[in-house]
Structure formats: C-alpha cells, structure tokens
Amino acid sequence: MKEKIIVNGSHYLQDSLQFKCWTPVRKRRQCFIKRLLKDYQKEIDSALAAAAIGLMFVLGTWCFLIQLAEY
C-alpha cells in the first residue's frame, strides 16, 4: 500500500513526488484587500444591507414629509 501525503490540500502519492512527476501547487499570495474581503464577506454584506434598508427608510420619511407639507 502506498502512503499518501497532503500538499496544499491536495493528495499526491509520495512516490510520484519523489520522481517530480507533479510539482506541488503553490497558491499566489493574495493581496491584502482581497484577503480582507474574503474573510469578512458576511459582515460586509450585512452592513451594506442594513445601510440600504436605512437609506430607504430615510428617503421614505423624507418623501412623506414633503407630501404632507404640500397638502
């Protein structure tokens, strides 16, 4: 039975790595902003949704007050 090892989340046969048939996949270093966006995606989406709902509420109130003033 051949022993398997894990390199960067992928399974490679140890014998194949010794013969250099496959090279380990190296992830490029992500830029700082992309990494932050990926890590905090849920919080960013929640904040944008809350801002959109708040903006709609303020605009609705503003339109209501303008209509009330014209009446």
PDB file of N, CA and C in Angstrom:
ATOM      1  N   MET A   1       0.855  -1.183   0.000  1.00  0.00           N
ATOM      2  CA  MET A   1       0.000   0.000   0.000  1.00  0.00           C
ATOM      3  C   MET A   1       0.898   1.242   0.000  1.00  0.00           C
ATOM      4  N   LYS A   2       0.580   2.171  -0.853  1.00  0.00           N
ATOM      5  CA  LYS A   2       1.376   3.389  -0.943  1.00  0.00           C
ATOM      6  C   LYS A   2       0.870   4.420   0.058  1.00  0.00           C
ATOM      7  N   GLU A   3       1.778   5.136   0.645  1.00  0.00           N
ATOM      8  CA  GLU A   3       1.432   6.137   1.636  1.00  0.00           C
ATOM      9  C   GLU A   3       1.148   7.464   0.934  1.00  0.00           C
ATOM     10  N   LYS A   4       0.054   8.095   1.321  1.00  0.00           N
ATOM     11  CA  LYS A   4      -0.315   9.383   0.725  1.00  0.00           C
ATOM     12  C   LYS A   4       0.085  10.511   1.657  1.00  0.00           C
ATOM     13  N   ILE A   5       0.445  11.648   1.073  1.00  0.00           N
ATOM     14  CA  ILE A   5       0.713  12.842   1.855  1.00  0.00           C
ATOM     15  C   ILE A   5      -0.148  13.965   1.300  1.00  0.00           C
ATOM     16  N   ILE A   6      -0.334  14.996   2.084  1.00  0.00           N
ATOM     17  CA  ILE A   6      -1.158  16.136   1.684  1.00  0.00           C
ATOM     18  C   ILE A   6      -0.245  17.332   1.464  1.00  0.00           C
ATOM     19  N   VAL A   7      -0.367  17.940   0.266  1.00  0.00           N
ATOM     20  CA  VAL A   7       0.390  19.149  -0.059  1.00  0.00           C
ATOM     21  C   VAL A   7      -0.609  20.197  -0.507  1.00  0.00           C
ATOM     22  N   ASN A   8      -0.756  21.272   0.248  1.00  0.00           N
ATOM     23  CA  ASN A   8      -1.676  22.374  -0.067  1.00  0.00           C
ATOM     24  C   ASN A   8      -3.103  21.883  -0.276  1.00  0.00           C
ATOM     25  N   GLY A   9      -3.553  20.942   0.519  1.00  0.00           N
ATOM     26  CA  GLY A   9      -4.929  20.493   0.449  1.00  0.00           C
ATOM     27  C   GLY A   9      -5.184  19.441  -0.610  1.00  0.00           C
ATOM     28  N   SER A  10      -4.213  19.030  -1.419  1.00  0.00           N
ATOM     29  CA  SER A  10      -4.400  18.027  -2.453  1.00  0.00           C
ATOM     30  C   SER A  10      -3.635  16.765  -2.060  1.00  0.00           C
ATOM     31  N   HIS A  11      -4.150  15.619  -2.504  1.00  0.00           N
ATOM     32  CA  HIS A  11      -3.494  14.355  -2.204  1.00  0.00           C
ATOM     33  C   HIS A  11      -2.557  13.991  -3.358  1.00  0.00           C
ATOM     34  N   TYR A  12      -1.350  13.688  -3.049  1.00  0.00           N
ATOM     35  CA  TYR A  12      -0.369  13.253  -4.030  1.00  0.00           C
ATOM     36  C   TYR A  12       0.276  11.981  -3.513  1.00  0.00           C
ATOM     37  N   LEU A  13       0.604  11.089  -4.402  1.00  0.00           N
ATOM     38  CA  LEU A  13       1.330   9.899  -3.976  1.00  0.00           C
ATOM     39  C   LEU A  13       2.769  10.276  -3.680  1.00  0.00           C
ATOM     40  N   GLN A  14       3.270   9.748  -2.606  1.00  0.00           N
ATOM     41  CA  GLN A  14       4.613  10.101  -2.179  1.00  0.00           C
ATOM     42  C   GLN A  14       5.646   9.689  -3.224  1.00  0.00           C
ATOM     43  N   ASP A  15       5.455   8.527  -3.855  1.00  0.00           N
ATOM     44  CA  ASP A  15       6.403   8.068  -4.870  1.00  0.00           C
ATOM     45  C   ASP A  15       6.453   9.023  -6.057  1.00  0.00           C
ATOM     46  N   SER A  16       5.303   9.535  -6.459  1.00  0.00           N
ATOM     47  CA  SER A  16       5.251  10.442  -7.602  1.00  0.00           C
ATOM     48  C   SER A  16       5.955  11.747  -7.297  1.00  0.00           C
ATOM     49  N   LEU A  17       5.866  12.203  -6.061  1.00  0.00           N
ATOM     50  CA  LEU A  17       6.557  13.436  -5.690  1.00  0.00           C
ATOM     51  C   LEU A  17       8.070  13.247  -5.726  1.00  0.00           C
ATOM     52  N   GLN A  18       8.533  12.052  -5.378  1.00  0.00           N
ATOM     53  CA  GLN A  18       9.969  11.811  -5.402  1.00  0.00           C
ATOM     54  C   GLN A  18      10.502  11.871  -6.833  1.00  0.00           C
ATOM     55  N   PHE A  19       9.705  11.389  -7.799  1.00  0.00           N
ATOM     56  CA  PHE A  19      10.125  11.429  -9.194  1.00  0.00           C
ATOM     57  C   PHE A  19       9.840  12.771  -9.850  1.00  0.00           C
ATOM     58  N   LYS A  20       9.222  13.677  -9.118  1.00  0.00           N
ATOM     59  CA  LYS A  20       8.890  15.020  -9.595  1.00  0.00           C
ATOM     60  C   LYS A  20       7.968  14.986 -10.816  1.00  0.00           C
ATOM     61  N   CYS A  21       7.054  14.012 -10.829  1.00  0.00           N
ATOM     62  CA  CYS A  21       6.065  13.969 -11.914  1.00  0.00           C
ATOM     63  C   CYS A  21       5.110  15.142 -11.784  1.00  0.00           C
ATOM     64  N   TRP A  22       4.712  15.444 -10.541  1.00  0.00           N
ATOM     65  CA  TRP A  22       3.842  16.588 -10.283  1.00  0.00           C
ATOM     66  C   TRP A  22       4.554  17.502  -9.302  1.00  0.00           C
ATOM     67  N   THR A  23       4.472  18.754  -9.543  1.00  0.00           N
ATOM     68  CA  THR A  23       5.020  19.700  -8.584  1.00  0.00           C
ATOM     69  C   THR A  23       3.898  20.164  -7.678  1.00  0.00           C
ATOM     70  N   PRO A  24       4.161  20.458  -6.430  1.00  0.00           N
ATOM     71  CA  PRO A  24       3.107  20.948  -5.533  1.00  0.00           C
ATOM     72  C   PRO A  24       2.553  22.279  -6.041  1.00  0.00           C
ATOM     73  N   VAL A  25       1.246  22.420  -5.918  1.00  0.00           N
ATOM     74  CA  VAL A  25       0.589  23.645  -6.363  1.00  0.00           C
ATOM     75  C   VAL A  25       0.822  24.715  -5.305  1.00  0.00           C
ATOM     76  N   ARG A  26       1.346  25.842  -5.723  1.00  0.00           N
ATOM     77  CA  ARG A  26       1.578  26.945  -4.784  1.00  0.00           C
ATOM     78  C   ARG A  26       0.551  28.018  -5.046  1.00  0.00           C
ATOM     79  N   LYS A  27      -0.100  28.419  -4.000  1.00  0.00           N
ATOM     80  CA  LYS A  27      -1.082  29.496  -4.127  1.00  0.00           C
ATOM     81  C   LYS A  27      -0.350  30.824  -4.165  1.00  0.00           C
ATOM     82  N   ARG A  28      -0.775  31.679  -5.060  1.00  0.00           N
ATOM     83  CA  ARG A  28      -0.198  33.020  -5.085  1.00  0.00           C
ATOM     84  C   ARG A  28      -0.664  33.777  -3.857  1.00  0.00           C
ATOM     85  N   ARG A  29       0.185  34.601  -3.360  1.00  0.00           N
ATOM     86  CA  ARG A  29      -0.175  35.394  -2.190  1.00  0.00           C
ATOM     87  C   ARG A  29      -1.199  36.437  -2.609  1.00  0.00           C
ATOM     88  N   GLN A  30      -2.363  36.357  -1.983  1.00  0.00           N
ATOM     89  CA  GLN A  30      -3.427  37.284  -2.325  1.00  0.00           C
ATOM     90  C   GLN A  30      -3.122  38.656  -1.753  1.00  0.00           C
ATOM     91  N   CYS A  31      -3.599  39.646  -2.449  1.00  0.00           N
ATOM     92  CA  CYS A  31      -3.376  40.989  -1.953  1.00  0.00           C
ATOM     93  C   CYS A  31      -4.197  41.200  -0.675  1.00  0.00           C
ATOM     94  N   PHE A  32      -3.792  42.157   0.107  1.00  0.00           N
ATOM     95  CA  PHE A  32      -4.361  42.386   1.435  1.00  0.00           C
ATOM     96  C   PHE A  32      -5.852  42.680   1.375  1.00  0.00           C
ATOM     97  N   ILE A  33      -6.277  43.497   0.415  1.00  0.00           N
ATOM     98  CA  ILE A  33      -7.689  43.885   0.327  1.00  0.00           C
ATOM     99  C   ILE A  33      -8.554  42.690  -0.061  1.00  0.00           C
ATOM    100  N   LYS A  34      -8.098  41.875  -1.000  1.00  0.00           N
ATOM    101  CA  LYS A  34      -8.864  40.697  -1.400  1.00  0.00           C
ATOM    102  C   LYS A  34      -9.004  39.722  -0.247  1.00  0.00           C
ATOM    103  N   ARG A  35      -7.940  39.567   0.544  1.00  0.00           N
ATOM    104  CA  ARG A  35      -7.998  38.663   1.689  1.00  0.00           C
ATOM    105  C   ARG A  35      -8.990  39.177   2.731  1.00  0.00           C
ATOM    106  N   LEU A  36      -8.991  40.496   2.978  1.00  0.00           N
ATOM    107  CA  LEU A  36      -9.953  41.067   3.928  1.00  0.00           C
ATOM    108  C   LEU A  36     -11.380  40.899   3.433  1.00  0.00           C
ATOM    109  N   LEU A  37     -11.604  41.135   2.133  1.00  0.00           N
ATOM    110  CA  LEU A  37     -12.947  40.974   1.570  1.00  0.00           C
ATOM    111  C   LEU A  37     -13.422  39.533   1.702  1.00  0.00           C
ATOM    112  N   LYS A  38     -12.518  38.594   1.470  1.00  0.00           N
ATOM    113  CA  LYS A  38     -12.891  37.187   1.582  1.00  0.00           C
ATOM    114  C   LYS A  38     -13.196  36.807   3.032  1.00  0.00           C
ATOM    115  N   ASP A  39     -12.375  37.290   3.965  1.00  0.00           N
ATOM    116  CA  ASP A  39     -12.554  36.933   5.373  1.00  0.00           C
ATOM    117  C   ASP A  39     -13.806  37.553   5.983  1.00  0.00           C
ATOM    118  N   TYR A  40     -14.147  38.783   5.592  1.00  0.00           N
ATOM    119  CA  TYR A  40     -15.251  39.499   6.210  1.00  0.00           C
ATOM    120  C   TYR A  40     -16.422  39.697   5.254  1.00  0.00           C
ATOM    121  N   GLN A  41     -16.625  38.769   4.304  1.00  0.00           N
ATOM    122  CA  GLN A  41     -17.676  38.922   3.301  1.00  0.00           C
ATOM    123  C   GLN A  41     -19.072  38.980   3.932  1.00  0.00           C
ATOM    124  N   LYS A  42     -19.339  38.138   4.911  1.00  0.00           N
ATOM    125  CA  LYS A  42     -20.658  38.108   5.541  1.00  0.00           C
ATOM    126  C   LYS A  42     -20.942  39.410   6.282  1.00  0.00           C
ATOM    127  N   GLU A  43     -19.957  39.928   7.002  1.00  0.00           N
ATOM    128  CA  GLU A  43     -20.146  41.176   7.734  1.00  0.00           C
ATOM    129  C   GLU A  43     -20.331  42.353   6.780  1.00  0.00           C
ATOM    130  N   ILE A  44     -19.581  42.362   5.676  1.00  0.00           N
ATOM    131  CA  ILE A  44     -19.721  43.433   4.689  1.00  0.00           C
ATOM    132  C   ILE A  44     -21.107  43.401   4.055  1.00  0.00           C
ATOM    133  N   ASP A  45     -21.581  42.207   3.697  1.00  0.00           N
ATOM    134  CA  ASP A  45     -22.919  42.084   3.111  1.00  0.00           C
ATOM    135  C   ASP A  45     -23.998  42.548   4.079  1.00  0.00           C
ATOM    136  N   SER A  46     -23.854  42.178   5.357  1.00  0.00           N
ATOM    137  CA  SER A  46     -24.839  42.592   6.361  1.00  0.00           C
ATOM    138  C   SER A  46     -24.841  44.116   6.529  1.00  0.00           C
ATOM    139  N   ALA A  47     -23.666  44.718   6.549  1.00  0.00           N
ATOM    140  CA  ALA A  47     -23.582  46.175   6.704  1.00  0.00           C
ATOM    141  C   ALA A  47     -24.177  46.891   5.493  1.00  0.00           C
ATOM    142  N   LEU A  48     -23.919  46.388   4.291  1.00  0.00           N
ATOM    143  CA  LEU A  48     -24.493  47.003   3.090  1.00  0.00           C
ATOM    144  C   LEU A  48     -26.011  46.863   3.056  1.00  0.00           C
ATOM    145  N   ALA A  49     -26.524  45.705   3.469  1.00  0.00           N
ATOM    146  CA  ALA A  49     -27.968  45.505   3.506  1.00  0.00           C
ATOM    147  C   ALA A  49     -28.616  46.444   4.528  1.00  0.00           C
ATOM    148  N   ALA A  50     -27.996  46.580   5.710  1.00  0.00           N
ATOM    149  CA  ALA A  50     -28.525  47.480   6.737  1.00  0.00           C
ATOM    150  C   ALA A  50     -28.485  48.931   6.257  1.00  0.00           C
ATOM    151  N   ALA A  51     -27.425  49.309   5.553  1.00  0.00           N
ATOM    152  CA  ALA A  51     -27.324  50.675   5.034  1.00  0.00           C
ATOM    153  C   ALA A  51     -28.394  50.931   3.977  1.00  0.00           C
ATOM    154  N   ALA A  52     -28.646  49.940   3.116  1.00  0.00           N
ATOM    155  CA  ALA A  52     -29.664  50.091   2.083  1.00  0.00           C
ATOM    156  C   ALA A  52     -31.059  50.223   2.702  1.00  0.00           C
ATOM    157  N   ILE A  53     -31.356  49.409   3.705  1.00  0.00           N
ATOM    158  CA  ILE A  53     -32.661  49.485   4.373  1.00  0.00           C
ATOM    159  C   ILE A  53     -32.806  50.825   5.095  1.00  0.00           C
ATOM    160  N   GLY A  54     -31.768  51.270   5.773  1.00  0.00           N
ATOM    161  CA  GLY A  54     -31.804  52.560   6.460  1.00  0.00           C
ATOM    162  C   GLY A  54     -31.989  53.710   5.487  1.00  0.00           C
ATOM    163  N   LEU A  55     -31.308  53.658   4.347  1.00  0.00           N
ATOM    164  CA  LEU A  55     -31.453  54.705   3.340  1.00  0.00           C
ATOM    165  C   LEU A  55     -32.873  54.743   2.769  1.00  0.00           C
ATOM    166  N   MET A  56     -33.452  53.574   2.528  1.00  0.00           N
ATOM    167  CA  MET A  56     -34.842  53.539   2.041  1.00  0.00           C
ATOM    168  C   MET A  56     -35.807  54.113   3.076  1.00  0.00           C
ATOM    169  N   PHE A  57     -35.571  53.823   4.351  1.00  0.00           N
ATOM    170  CA  PHE A  57     -36.428  54.356   5.405  1.00  0.00           C
ATOM    171  C   PHE A  57     -36.341  55.882   5.462  1.00  0.00           C
ATOM    172  N   VAL A  58     -35.118  56.407   5.393  1.00  0.00           N
ATOM    173  CA  VAL A  58     -34.929  57.860   5.437  1.00  0.00           C
ATOM    174  C   VAL A  58     -35.564  58.524   4.217  1.00  0.00           C
ATOM    175  N   LEU A  59     -35.375  57.946   3.041  1.00  0.00           N
ATOM    176  CA  LEU A  59     -35.971  58.516   1.827  1.00  0.00           C
ATOM    177  C   LEU A  59     -37.502  58.450   1.876  1.00  0.00           C
ATOM    178  N   GLY A  60     -38.036  57.355   2.399  1.00  0.00           N
ATOM    179  CA  GLY A  60     -39.489  57.243   2.537  1.00  0.00           C
ATOM    180  C   GLY A  60     -40.043  58.282   3.491  1.00  0.00           C
ATOM    181  N   THR A  61     -39.362  58.483   4.597  1.00  0.00           N
ATOM    182  CA  THR A  61     -39.787  59.505   5.556  1.00  0.00           C
ATOM    183  C   THR A  61     -39.713  60.896   4.940  1.00  0.00           C
ATOM    184  N   TRP A  62     -38.653  61.160   4.216  1.00  0.00           N
ATOM    185  CA  TRP A  62     -38.478  62.450   3.555  1.00  0.00           C
ATOM    186  C   TRP A  62     -39.601  62.698   2.542  1.00  0.00           C
ATOM    187  N   CYS A  63     -39.899  61.701   1.718  1.00  0.00           N
ATOM    188  CA  CYS A  63     -40.978  61.849   0.729  1.00  0.00           C
ATOM    189  C   CYS A  63     -42.332  62.055   1.414  1.00  0.00           C
ATOM    190  N   PHE A  64     -42.556  61.343   2.506  1.00  0.00           N
ATOM    191  CA  PHE A  64     -43.811  61.509   3.250  1.00  0.00           C
ATOM    192  C   PHE A  64     -43.921  62.925   3.794  1.00  0.00           C
ATOM    193  N   LEU A  65     -42.836  63.454   4.351  1.00  0.00           N
ATOM    194  CA  LEU A  65     -42.874  64.819   4.897  1.00  0.00           C
ATOM    195  C   LEU A  65     -43.085  65.855   3.790  1.00  0.00           C
ATOM    196  N   ILE A  66     -42.514  65.631   2.631  1.00  0.00           N
ATOM    197  CA  ILE A  66     -42.731  66.568   1.512  1.00  0.00           C
ATOM    198  C   ILE A  66     -44.191  66.519   1.063  1.00  0.00           C
ATOM    199  N   GLN A  67     -44.757  65.325   0.951  1.00  0.00           N
ATOM    200  CA  GLN A  67     -46.156  65.202   0.576  1.00  0.00           C
ATOM    201  C   GLN A  67     -47.071  65.835   1.612  1.00  0.00           C
ATOM    202  N   LEU A  68     -46.733  65.662   2.882  1.00  0.00           N
ATOM    203  CA  LEU A  68     -47.516  66.244   3.965  1.00  0.00           C
ATOM    204  C   LEU A  68     -47.456  67.765   3.935  1.00  0.00           C
ATOM    205  N   ALA A  69     -46.284  68.322   3.611  1.00  0.00           N
ATOM    206  CA  ALA A  69     -46.128  69.773   3.549  1.00  0.00           C
ATOM    207  C   ALA A  69     -46.918  70.358   2.387  1.00  0.00           C
ATOM    208  N   GLU A  70     -46.996  69.611   1.269  1.00  0.00           N
ATOM    209  CA  GLU A  70     -47.744  70.113   0.102  1.00  0.00           C
ATOM    210  C   GLU A  70     -49.247  70.046   0.335  1.00  0.00           C
ATOM    211  N   TYR A  71     -49.702  69.172   1.174  1.00  0.00           N
ATOM    212  CA  TYR A  71     -51.137  69.016   1.419  1.00  0.00           C
ATOM    213  C   TYR A  71     -51.630  70.182   2.229  1.00  0.00           C
TER     214      TYR A  71
END
